[in-house]
């Protein structure tokens, strides 16, 4: 299939031969949009064809899940299927209790509505409330299906930078330590033999005064994973009082999502998005360099 373009709620494809039934293009459709979603789309009348044109209803109009609210967020990337936004500190990705407002989903709703887009944002992954950096969201159900699949297959890569206490003895390494709940604390996690598998790779980028700038790559996505693993290594994040880090002039842990990479849902092409450092992180880094 080739010559794909969006027309309102529909994605139009021009194929190499006339189509008389869905069986003529089933193999190509399964390869591109997936068998399960193909069945669902077909049952709902979301597939049409005429001659060499095939139409898929991938962009149905939707109502927002939450009341839109303006917030000063930076959109780093956007196309018909997804968007990446630079989450500021102190903002949750989604509400955790009924009636809660001020989350990233509320702000994304405002962005979509204000730009005339009648679709619902669907976060593909999360960041802690006080962690900054890129968050990927799908703009329709099919894009969510494809990006969730990419997450499971580890084709979505997240790279973080952190300012950690002290100087790790090795310049790079892998922390392979399962993480579970801390039964003595409602929100804290800990390394536990009975916890869920968790793997973090780290690389020391720069050794600063009494601290280090570290790059981290997640192979799993456990709650507080980087914070728990670096504390377990003996080098907690600066400002992370929950896991033993010392106060360092930041009102949160010194952790920032630096780079996000993911496959574009339709073409599979690799998209790379970098999020600029927030002011508090950059200021602490400069202070530690002196």
Protein backbone atom coordinates (compact mmCIF):
# COMPACT_ATOMS: atom_id res chain seq x y z
CA UNK A 1 0.00 0.00 0.00
CA UNK A 2 1.16 3.55 -0.63
CA UNK A 3 -0.01 7.18 -0.99
CA UNK A 4 -1.51 7.40 2.50
CA UNK A 5 -3.18 10.61 3.58
CA UNK A 6 -5.69 11.70 6.16
CA UNK A 7 -9.15 12.90 5.14
CA UNK A 8 -11.07 14.00 8.24
CA UNK A 9 -11.88 10.89 10.27
CA UNK A 10 -10.47 8.60 7.57
CA UNK A 11 -7.07 7.49 6.40
CA UNK A 12 -7.05 7.01 2.64
CA UNK A 13 -4.69 4.57 0.96
CA UNK A 14 -4.18 4.03 -2.73
CA UNK A 15 -3.31 0.42 -3.53
CA UNK A 16 -1.81 -1.11 -6.66
CA UNK A 17 -4.94 -2.93 -7.82
CA UNK A 18 -8.72 -2.62 -7.65
CA UNK A 19 -10.28 -3.94 -4.46
CA UNK A 20 -13.45 -6.04 -4.70
CA UNK A 21 -13.54 -7.42 -1.15
CA UNK A 22 -11.59 -7.10 2.06
CA UNK A 23 -9.92 -10.41 1.28
CA UNK A 24 -8.05 -8.72 -1.57
CA UNK A 25 -6.11 -6.60 0.94
CA UNK A 26 -6.45 -8.55 4.21
CA UNK A 27 -2.78 -9.54 4.38
CA UNK A 28 -1.60 -5.97 3.89
CA UNK A 29 -4.10 -4.62 6.40
CA UNK A 30 -3.13 -7.17 9.05
CA UNK A 31 0.53 -6.33 8.56
CA UNK A 32 -0.11 -2.60 8.90
CA UNK A 33 -2.88 -2.18 11.48
CA UNK A 34 -2.96 -5.59 13.18
CA UNK A 35 -5.42 -8.44 12.97
CA UNK A 36 -7.33 -7.70 16.16
CA UNK A 37 -7.87 -4.06 15.31
CA UNK A 38 -8.75 -4.96 11.73
CA UNK A 39 -11.58 -7.17 12.98
CA UNK A 40 -12.89 -4.43 15.27
CA UNK A 41 -12.70 -1.80 12.53
CA UNK A 42 -14.45 -4.02 10.02
CA UNK A 43 -17.31 -4.83 12.42
CA UNK A 44 -17.95 -1.13 13.05
CA UNK A 45 -18.03 -0.21 9.36
CA UNK A 46 -14.67 1.48 9.60
CA UNK A 47 -13.29 0.03 6.36
CA UNK A 48 -14.49 1.17 2.92
CA UNK A 49 -13.08 0.76 -0.58
CA UNK A 50 -13.71 1.86 -4.13
CA UNK A 51 -11.47 0.91 -6.99
CA UNK A 52 -7.90 1.34 -5.76
CA UNK A 53 -8.86 3.55 -2.79
CA UNK A 54 -9.11 2.06 0.69
CA UNK A 55 -10.50 4.13 3.57
CA UNK A 56 -9.90 3.35 7.26
CA UNK A 57 -11.74 5.27 9.99
CA UNK A 58 -8.77 5.71 12.32
CA UNK A 59 -9.60 9.23 13.52
CA UNK A 60 -13.19 9.17 14.87
CA UNK A 61 -14.28 12.28 16.76
CA UNK A 62 -14.22 11.79 20.53
CA UNK A 63 -15.17 13.71 23.65
CA UNK A 64 -12.53 14.44 26.28
CA UNK A 65 -12.35 12.29 29.39
CA UNK A 66 -11.55 15.27 31.63
CA UNK A 67 -12.48 18.95 31.58
CA UNK A 68 -9.73 20.78 29.64
CA UNK A 69 -7.55 23.18 31.66
CA UNK A 70 -4.86 25.52 30.41
CA UNK A 71 -1.33 24.93 31.68
CA UNK A 72 2.06 26.15 30.51
CA UNK A 73 3.22 22.96 28.81
CA UNK A 74 5.58 22.58 25.87
CA UNK A 75 4.60 20.29 23.01
CA UNK A 76 7.84 18.75 21.71
CA UNK A 77 6.38 16.65 18.87
CA UNK A 78 2.98 16.11 17.28
CA UNK A 79 1.47 14.34 14.27
CA UNK A 80 -1.93 12.81 13.45
CA UNK A 81 -1.32 9.82 15.71
CA UNK A 82 0.64 10.99 18.74
CA UNK A 83 2.15 13.88 20.64
CA UNK A 84 5.00 14.28 23.08
CA UNK A 85 4.83 16.95 25.76
CA UNK A 86 7.50 18.12 28.20
CA UNK A 87 5.94 17.51 31.61
CA UNK A 88 6.78 20.18 34.19
CA UNK A 89 7.61 19.36 37.83
CA UNK A 90 4.79 19.03 40.34
CA UNK A 91 2.23 17.82 37.78
CA UNK A 92 0.66 14.35 37.77
CA UNK A 93 0.15 12.62 34.45
CA UNK A 94 -3.47 11.74 35.29
CA UNK A 95 -5.86 12.12 38.24
CA UNK A 96 -5.46 9.68 41.11
CA UNK A 97 -8.68 10.59 42.91
CA UNK A 98 -12.15 11.61 41.84
CA UNK A 99 -12.52 15.28 40.97
CA UNK A 100 -8.78 15.99 40.91
CA UNK A 101 -7.67 18.63 38.40
CA UNK A 102 -4.43 20.17 37.21
CA UNK A 103 -2.98 17.02 35.65
CA UNK A 104 -1.19 16.58 32.34
CA UNK A 105 -4.31 14.99 30.85
CA UNK A 106 -6.30 18.12 31.65
CA UNK A 107 -3.63 20.26 29.97
CA UNK A 108 -3.45 17.98 26.92
CA UNK A 109 -7.22 18.23 26.58
CA UNK A 110 -6.89 22.03 26.45
CA UNK A 111 -4.16 21.84 23.81
CA UNK A 112 -6.18 19.50 21.59
CA UNK A 113 -9.45 21.40 21.96
CA UNK A 114 -7.81 24.80 21.40
CA UNK A 115 -6.24 23.56 18.16
CA UNK A 116 -9.54 22.20 16.86
CA UNK A 117 -8.78 18.53 17.41
CA UNK A 118 -11.68 16.37 18.61
CA UNK A 119 -9.73 13.48 20.03
CA UNK A 120 -8.82 12.06 23.43
CA UNK A 121 -5.20 11.90 24.69
CA UNK A 122 -4.06 8.49 25.94
CA UNK A 123 -0.74 8.43 27.87
CA UNK A 124 1.48 5.52 26.85
CA UNK A 125 3.76 5.77 29.90
CA UNK A 126 4.02 7.85 33.06
CA UNK A 127 6.49 9.98 34.96
CA UNK A 128 6.47 10.59 38.72
CA UNK A 129 4.75 13.79 39.76
CA UNK A 130 8.06 15.57 40.43
CA UNK A 131 10.00 14.11 37.49
CA UNK A 132 10.23 16.25 34.37
CA UNK A 133 10.61 15.24 30.76
CA UNK A 134 8.82 13.89 27.68
CA UNK A 135 5.54 12.01 27.98
CA UNK A 136 4.16 10.20 24.94
CA UNK A 137 0.40 10.18 24.34
CA UNK A 138 -1.66 8.56 21.57
CA UNK A 139 -4.39 10.62 19.90
CA UNK A 140 -6.68 7.76 18.89
CA UNK A 141 -7.44 4.17 19.81
CA UNK A 142 -5.45 2.60 16.99
CA UNK A 143 -2.34 4.65 17.78
CA UNK A 144 -2.66 3.59 21.42
CA UNK A 145 -2.87 -0.05 20.32
CA UNK A 146 0.31 0.28 18.26
CA UNK A 147 2.27 2.27 20.85
CA UNK A 148 1.23 -0.03 23.71
CA UNK A 149 2.50 -2.90 21.58
CA UNK A 150 5.78 -1.05 21.06
CA UNK A 151 6.09 -0.54 24.83
CA UNK A 152 5.60 -4.25 25.48
CA UNK A 153 8.21 -5.08 22.83
CA UNK A 154 10.64 -2.56 24.36
CA UNK A 155 10.71 -0.45 21.18
CA UNK A 156 9.92 2.67 23.20
CA UNK A 157 13.19 3.83 24.77
CA UNK A 158 13.44 6.30 27.63
CA UNK A 159 16.73 7.92 28.61
CA UNK A 160 17.01 9.99 31.79
CA UNK A 161 19.63 12.20 33.38
CA UNK A 162 20.02 12.56 37.14
CA UNK A 163 22.25 14.32 39.62
CA UNK A 164 23.19 11.73 42.22
CA UNK A 165 24.97 11.92 45.54
CA UNK A 166 28.68 11.05 45.48
CA UNK A 167 30.70 9.31 42.78
CA UNK A 168 29.86 5.76 41.64
CA UNK A 169 32.94 3.55 41.61
CA UNK A 170 32.27 2.35 38.05
CA UNK A 171 31.75 4.63 35.09
CA UNK A 172 28.90 2.46 33.86
CA UNK A 173 26.95 -0.56 34.97
CA UNK A 174 23.65 -2.40 35.19
CA UNK A 175 21.43 -2.61 38.26
CA UNK A 176 19.37 -5.80 38.13
CA UNK A 177 17.35 -5.83 41.34
CA UNK A 178 13.62 -6.61 41.74
CA UNK A 179 11.43 -3.89 43.23
CA UNK A 180 8.43 -4.30 45.52
CA UNK A 181 6.36 -2.26 47.94
CA UNK A 182 7.76 -1.18 51.29
CA UNK A 183 5.28 -2.55 53.81
CA UNK A 184 6.40 0.08 56.32
CA UNK A 185 5.62 3.06 54.06
CA UNK A 186 2.54 3.70 51.92
CA UNK A 187 4.29 5.23 48.89
CA UNK A 188 7.87 4.02 49.08
CA UNK A 189 9.27 1.08 47.11
CA UNK A 190 12.33 -1.04 47.91
CA UNK A 191 14.57 -3.69 46.45
CA UNK A 192 12.98 -7.02 47.37
CA UNK A 193 13.63 -10.63 46.37
CA UNK A 194 9.87 -11.10 45.93
CA UNK A 195 9.39 -7.90 43.93
CA UNK A 196 8.95 -7.39 40.20
CA UNK A 197 11.96 -7.69 37.90
CA UNK A 198 13.64 -4.32 37.36
CA UNK A 199 16.72 -3.44 35.30
CA UNK A 200 18.40 -0.03 35.01
CA UNK A 201 21.57 0.76 33.07
CA UNK A 202 23.62 3.78 34.12
CA UNK A 203 26.57 5.76 32.79
CA UNK A 204 28.47 8.49 34.62
CA UNK A 205 28.64 11.50 32.30
CA UNK A 206 30.45 13.89 34.62
CA UNK A 207 31.89 13.82 38.12
CA UNK A 208 31.02 17.05 39.90
CA UNK A 209 31.67 18.44 43.36
CA UNK A 210 30.29 15.78 45.74
CA UNK A 211 27.86 14.61 43.03
CA UNK A 212 27.69 13.03 39.58
CA UNK A 213 25.69 13.62 36.44
CA UNK A 214 24.40 10.22 35.35
CA UNK A 215 22.58 8.98 32.25
CA UNK A 216 20.09 6.17 32.86
CA UNK A 217 18.23 3.80 30.54
CA UNK A 218 15.24 1.80 31.71
CA UNK A 219 14.72 -1.76 30.55
CA UNK A 220 11.64 -2.07 32.77
CA UNK A 221 9.20 0.52 34.09
CA UNK A 222 8.63 -0.02 37.79
CA UNK A 223 7.32 2.72 40.06
CA UNK A 224 10.22 4.88 41.36
CA UNK A 225 12.65 2.50 39.61
CA UNK A 226 15.55 4.91 39.08
CA UNK A 227 15.16 6.40 42.53
CA UNK A 228 15.12 2.98 44.22
CA UNK A 229 17.98 1.56 42.18
CA UNK A 230 20.33 4.51 42.62
CA UNK A 231 19.64 4.55 46.35
CA UNK A 232 20.32 0.80 46.42
CA UNK A 233 23.64 1.48 44.66
CA UNK A 234 24.54 3.93 47.43
CA UNK A 235 24.08 7.06 45.31
CA UNK A 236 20.56 8.41 45.84
CA UNK A 237 19.30 11.28 43.73
CA UNK A 238 19.92 14.74 45.11
CA UNK A 239 16.76 16.16 46.62
CA UNK A 240 15.16 12.71 46.92
CA UNK A 241 14.47 12.73 50.65
CA UNK A 242 12.21 9.68 50.36
CA UNK A 243 15.12 7.47 49.32
CA UNK A 244 17.97 8.96 51.33
CA UNK A 245 19.09 11.81 49.12
CA UNK A 246 20.20 15.04 50.75
CA UNK A 247 18.48 18.37 50.20
CA UNK A 248 20.32 20.24 47.48
CA UNK A 249 18.41 23.39 46.70
CA UNK A 250 15.77 21.64 44.60
CA UNK A 251 12.28 21.07 45.90
CA UNK A 252 12.22 17.63 44.26
CA UNK A 253 14.47 14.78 43.15
CA UNK A 254 17.05 15.77 40.50
CA UNK A 255 15.68 13.54 37.75
CA UNK A 256 14.76 14.52 34.20
CA UNK A 257 13.60 12.54 31.18
CA UNK A 258 16.15 13.59 28.58
CA UNK A 259 15.32 11.61 25.42
CA UNK A 260 12.33 9.58 24.24
CA UNK A 261 12.43 7.32 21.18
CA UNK A 262 9.48 5.47 19.67
CA UNK A 263 8.27 4.03 16.35
CA UNK A 264 5.76 6.17 14.41
CA UNK A 265 2.58 4.03 14.50
CA UNK A 266 1.86 3.95 10.76
CA UNK A 267 5.30 3.86 9.14
CA UNK A 268 7.38 2.40 11.97
CA UNK A 269 9.99 5.12 11.43
CA UNK A 270 12.02 5.95 14.53
CA UNK A 271 11.07 9.24 16.19
CA UNK A 272 13.53 10.80 18.64
CA UNK A 273 12.50 13.65 20.93
CA UNK A 274 14.77 15.49 23.36
CA UNK A 275 13.40 17.55 26.25
CA UNK A 276 15.41 20.60 27.42
CA UNK A 277 16.53 20.61 31.03
CA UNK A 278 14.20 22.47 33.39
CA UNK A 279 15.54 25.58 35.10
CA UNK A 280 15.94 24.06 38.58
CA UNK A 281 17.90 21.05 37.27
CA UNK A 282 20.17 23.23 35.12
CA UNK A 283 20.77 25.65 38.01
CA UNK A 284 21.76 22.83 40.38
CA UNK A 285 24.11 21.37 37.76
CA UNK A 286 25.84 24.75 37.33
CA UNK A 287 26.11 25.14 41.11
CA UNK A 288 27.74 21.73 41.46
CA UNK A 289 30.26 22.51 38.72
CA UNK A 290 31.76 25.41 40.68
